[in-house]
Amino acid sequence: MSDEEINKEIAEHLGWKWFDHPDTRERTKTFTLSDKWVLNPAGELVFPHSVPNYCGDLNAMHEAEKVLTDVQCLFYPDNMREVITEHDASRRTWHSTARQRAEAFLRTVGKWRGEE
């Protein structure tokens, strides 16, 4: 998955809705450029550049990780180790990049579409 696809998938999991979502279409039906808007989790219309860059921002991933359930938290470290091992066997999970955390997050919530 590309960084853009990963960012969008995580954002959608966290409640962001793009223009093709019924809630967003309803809110933007009077706008001529409805595809230029997204609904944030608070239900506010914002521009797409407001969506966090989960692949490039450790703080954004920290916020995303907070939504993992107790059960998902059990599997997240294993998914993190799997992602890190694929890229560099000598790395430790606490040194993981935002991109690696984003991939592990999507694997944990069952939304990873990779090469497997």
C-alpha atoms as a PDB file:
ATOM      1  CA  MET A   1       0.000   0.000   0.000  1.00  0.00           C
ATOM      2  CA  SER A   2       1.195   3.513  -0.706  1.00  0.00           C
ATOM      3  CA  ASP A   3       1.573   6.072   2.074  1.00  0.00           C
ATOM      4  CA  GLU A   4      -1.499   7.891   0.745  1.00  0.00           C
ATOM      5  CA  GLU A   5      -3.579   4.693   0.849  1.00  0.00           C
ATOM      6  CA  ILE A   6      -2.348   3.900   4.358  1.00  0.00           C
ATOM      7  CA  ASN A   7      -3.107   7.408   5.618  1.00  0.00           C
ATOM      8  CA  LYS A   8      -6.618   7.301   4.168  1.00  0.00           C
ATOM      9  CA  GLU A   9      -7.324   3.805   5.543  1.00  0.00           C
ATOM     10  CA  ILE A  10      -6.254   4.795   9.064  1.00  0.00           C
ATOM     11  CA  ALA A  11      -8.172   8.066   8.865  1.00  0.00           C
ATOM     12  CA  GLU A  12     -11.333   6.249   7.798  1.00  0.00           C
ATOM     13  CA  HIS A  13     -10.872   3.776  10.639  1.00  0.00           C
ATOM     14  CA  LEU A  14     -10.687   6.753  13.022  1.00  0.00           C
ATOM     15  CA  GLY A  15     -13.862   8.349  11.666  1.00  0.00           C
ATOM     16  CA  TRP A  16     -12.759  10.627   8.808  1.00  0.00           C
ATOM     17  CA  LYS A  17     -15.173  10.523   5.852  1.00  0.00           C
ATOM     18  CA  TRP A  18     -14.339  11.441   2.252  1.00  0.00           C
ATOM     19  CA  PHE A  19     -16.638  13.133  -0.256  1.00  0.00           C
ATOM     20  CA  ASP A  20     -18.046   9.835  -1.518  1.00  0.00           C
ATOM     21  CA  HIS A  21     -19.356   8.932   1.958  1.00  0.00           C
ATOM     22  CA  PRO A  22     -23.121   9.605   2.325  1.00  0.00           C
ATOM     23  CA  ASP A  23     -22.624  11.818   5.393  1.00  0.00           C
ATOM     24  CA  THR A  24     -20.199  14.057   3.516  1.00  0.00           C
ATOM     25  CA  ARG A  25     -22.361  14.192   0.368  1.00  0.00           C
ATOM     26  CA  GLU A  26     -25.295  15.307   2.511  1.00  0.00           C
ATOM     27  CA  ARG A  27     -23.260  18.050   4.187  1.00  0.00           C
ATOM     28  CA  THR A  28     -21.814  19.309   0.869  1.00  0.00           C
ATOM     29  CA  LYS A  29     -24.829  18.980  -1.431  1.00  0.00           C
ATOM     30  CA  THR A  30     -25.075  22.759  -1.863  1.00  0.00           C
ATOM     31  CA  PHE A  31     -21.376  23.092  -2.743  1.00  0.00           C
ATOM     32  CA  THR A  32     -20.234  22.755  -6.329  1.00  0.00           C
ATOM     33  CA  LEU A  33     -16.840  21.332  -5.310  1.00  0.00           C
ATOM     34  CA  SER A  34     -17.995  18.671  -2.865  1.00  0.00           C
ATOM     35  CA  ASP A  35     -15.059  16.396  -3.680  1.00  0.00           C
ATOM     36  CA  LYS A  36     -12.716  18.940  -2.068  1.00  0.00           C
ATOM     37  CA  TRP A  37     -14.041  18.328   1.439  1.00  0.00           C
ATOM     38  CA  VAL A  38     -13.785  15.668   4.130  1.00  0.00           C
ATOM     39  CA  LEU A  39     -15.660  15.290   7.385  1.00  0.00           C
ATOM     40  CA  ASN A  40     -13.408  15.005  10.400  1.00  0.00           C
ATOM     41  CA  PRO A  41     -14.401  12.746  13.316  1.00  0.00           C
ATOM     42  CA  ALA A  42     -16.081  15.733  15.014  1.00  0.00           C
ATOM     43  CA  GLY A  43     -18.381  16.124  11.975  1.00  0.00           C
ATOM     44  CA  GLU A  44     -16.766  19.332  10.726  1.00  0.00           C
ATOM     45  CA  LEU A  45     -16.171  19.963   7.029  1.00  0.00           C
ATOM     46  CA  VAL A  46     -12.455  20.444   6.422  1.00  0.00           C
ATOM     47  CA  PHE A  47     -10.009  20.296   3.531  1.00  0.00           C
ATOM     48  CA  PRO A  48      -8.254  16.966   2.880  1.00  0.00           C
ATOM     49  CA  HIS A  49      -4.869  18.398   3.906  1.00  0.00           C
ATOM     50  CA  SER A  50      -6.256  18.449   7.470  1.00  0.00           C
ATOM     51  CA  VAL A  51      -6.103  14.650   7.593  1.00  0.00           C
ATOM     52  CA  PRO A  52      -3.076  13.604   9.674  1.00  0.00           C
ATOM     53  CA  ASN A  53      -0.040  12.152   7.904  1.00  0.00           C
ATOM     54  CA  TYR A  54       0.065   8.876   9.800  1.00  0.00           C
ATOM     55  CA  CYS A  55       2.972   7.520   7.725  1.00  0.00           C
ATOM     56  CA  GLY A  56       5.139  10.532   8.450  1.00  0.00           C
ATOM     57  CA  ASP A  57       4.166  11.697  11.925  1.00  0.00           C
ATOM     58  CA  LEU A  58       4.858   9.707  15.082  1.00  0.00           C
ATOM     59  CA  ASN A  59       2.493  11.961  17.042  1.00  0.00           C
ATOM     60  CA  ALA A  60      -0.361  11.145  14.657  1.00  0.00           C
ATOM     61  CA  MET A  61       0.366   7.433  15.065  1.00  0.00           C
ATOM     62  CA  HIS A  62       0.462   7.841  18.836  1.00  0.00           C
ATOM     63  CA  GLU A  63      -3.078   9.241  18.681  1.00  0.00           C
ATOM     64  CA  ALA A  64      -4.207   6.446  16.345  1.00  0.00           C
ATOM     65  CA  GLU A  65      -2.783   3.757  18.624  1.00  0.00           C
ATOM     66  CA  LYS A  66      -4.992   5.031  21.451  1.00  0.00           C
ATOM     67  CA  VAL A  67      -8.093   3.592  19.742  1.00  0.00           C
ATOM     68  CA  LEU A  68      -6.813   0.018  19.753  1.00  0.00           C
ATOM     69  CA  THR A  69      -8.909  -2.264  21.923  1.00  0.00           C
ATOM     70  CA  ASP A  70      -7.353  -4.308  24.716  1.00  0.00           C
ATOM     71  CA  VAL A  71      -7.400  -7.385  22.481  1.00  0.00           C
ATOM     72  CA  GLN A  72      -5.846  -5.486  19.562  1.00  0.00           C
ATOM     73  CA  CYS A  73      -3.115  -4.228  21.902  1.00  0.00           C
ATOM     74  CA  LEU A  74      -2.106  -7.854  22.438  1.00  0.00           C
ATOM     75  CA  PHE A  75      -1.503  -8.349  18.701  1.00  0.00           C
ATOM     76  CA  TYR A  76      -0.033  -4.927  17.857  1.00  0.00           C
ATOM     77  CA  PRO A  77       3.513  -5.651  19.162  1.00  0.00           C
ATOM     78  CA  ASP A  78       3.663  -8.905  17.178  1.00  0.00           C
ATOM     79  CA  ASN A  79       2.552  -7.104  14.032  1.00  0.00           C
ATOM     80  CA  MET A  80       5.119  -4.386  14.725  1.00  0.00           C
ATOM     81  CA  ARG A  81       7.924  -6.941  15.030  1.00  0.00           C
ATOM     82  CA  GLU A  82       6.789  -8.599  11.799  1.00  0.00           C
ATOM     83  CA  VAL A  83       6.855  -5.272   9.935  1.00  0.00           C
ATOM     84  CA  ILE A  84      10.234  -4.284  11.336  1.00  0.00           C
ATOM     85  CA  THR A  85      11.779  -7.698  10.604  1.00  0.00           C
ATOM     86  CA  GLU A  86      10.660  -7.385   6.968  1.00  0.00           C
ATOM     87  CA  HIS A  87      12.642  -4.168   6.643  1.00  0.00           C
ATOM     88  CA  ASP A  88      15.565  -4.531   9.077  1.00  0.00           C
ATOM     89  CA  ALA A  89      16.022  -7.504  11.385  1.00  0.00           C
ATOM     90  CA  SER A  90      18.253  -5.552  13.773  1.00  0.00           C
ATOM     91  CA  ARG A  91      15.644  -2.896  14.608  1.00  0.00           C
ATOM     92  CA  ARG A  92      13.686  -2.828  17.849  1.00  0.00           C
ATOM     93  CA  THR A  93      10.019  -1.866  18.081  1.00  0.00           C
ATOM     94  CA  TRP A  94      10.739   1.279  20.079  1.00  0.00           C
ATOM     95  CA  HIS A  95      12.774   2.554  17.112  1.00  0.00           C
ATOM     96  CA  SER A  96       9.961   1.974  14.632  1.00  0.00           C
ATOM     97  CA  THR A  97       9.105   4.701  12.163  1.00  0.00           C
ATOM     98  CA  ALA A  98       5.666   6.221  11.771  1.00  0.00           C
ATOM     99  CA  ARG A  99       5.316   4.284   8.497  1.00  0.00           C
ATOM    100  CA  GLN A 100       6.106   0.985  10.215  1.00  0.00           C
ATOM    101  CA  ARG A 101       3.650   1.769  13.008  1.00  0.00           C
ATOM    102  CA  ALA A 102       0.982   2.648  10.441  1.00  0.00           C
ATOM    103  CA  GLU A 103       1.436  -0.683   8.676  1.00  0.00           C
ATOM    104  CA  ALA A 104       1.351  -2.597  11.971  1.00  0.00           C
ATOM    105  CA  PHE A 105      -1.781  -0.655  12.968  1.00  0.00           C
ATOM    106  CA  LEU A 106      -3.600  -1.656   9.774  1.00  0.00           C
ATOM    107  CA  ARG A 107      -2.495  -5.282  10.167  1.00  0.00           C
ATOM    108  CA  THR A 108      -3.827  -5.219  13.723  1.00  0.00           C
ATOM    109  CA  VAL A 109      -7.245  -3.834  12.785  1.00  0.00           C
ATOM    110  CA  GLY A 110      -7.511  -6.169   9.763  1.00  0.00           C
ATOM    111  CA  LYS A 111      -7.305  -3.522   7.055  1.00  0.00           C
ATOM    112  CA  TRP A 112      -3.841  -4.123   5.616  1.00  0.00           C
ATOM    113  CA  ARG A 113      -3.817  -4.784   1.894  1.00  0.00           C
ATOM    114  CA  GLY A 114      -0.264  -5.837   1.229  1.00  0.00           C
ATOM    115  CA  GLU A 115       1.658  -8.238  -0.914  1.00  0.00           C
ATOM    116  CA  GLU A 116       0.792 -11.280   1.211  1.00  0.00           C
END
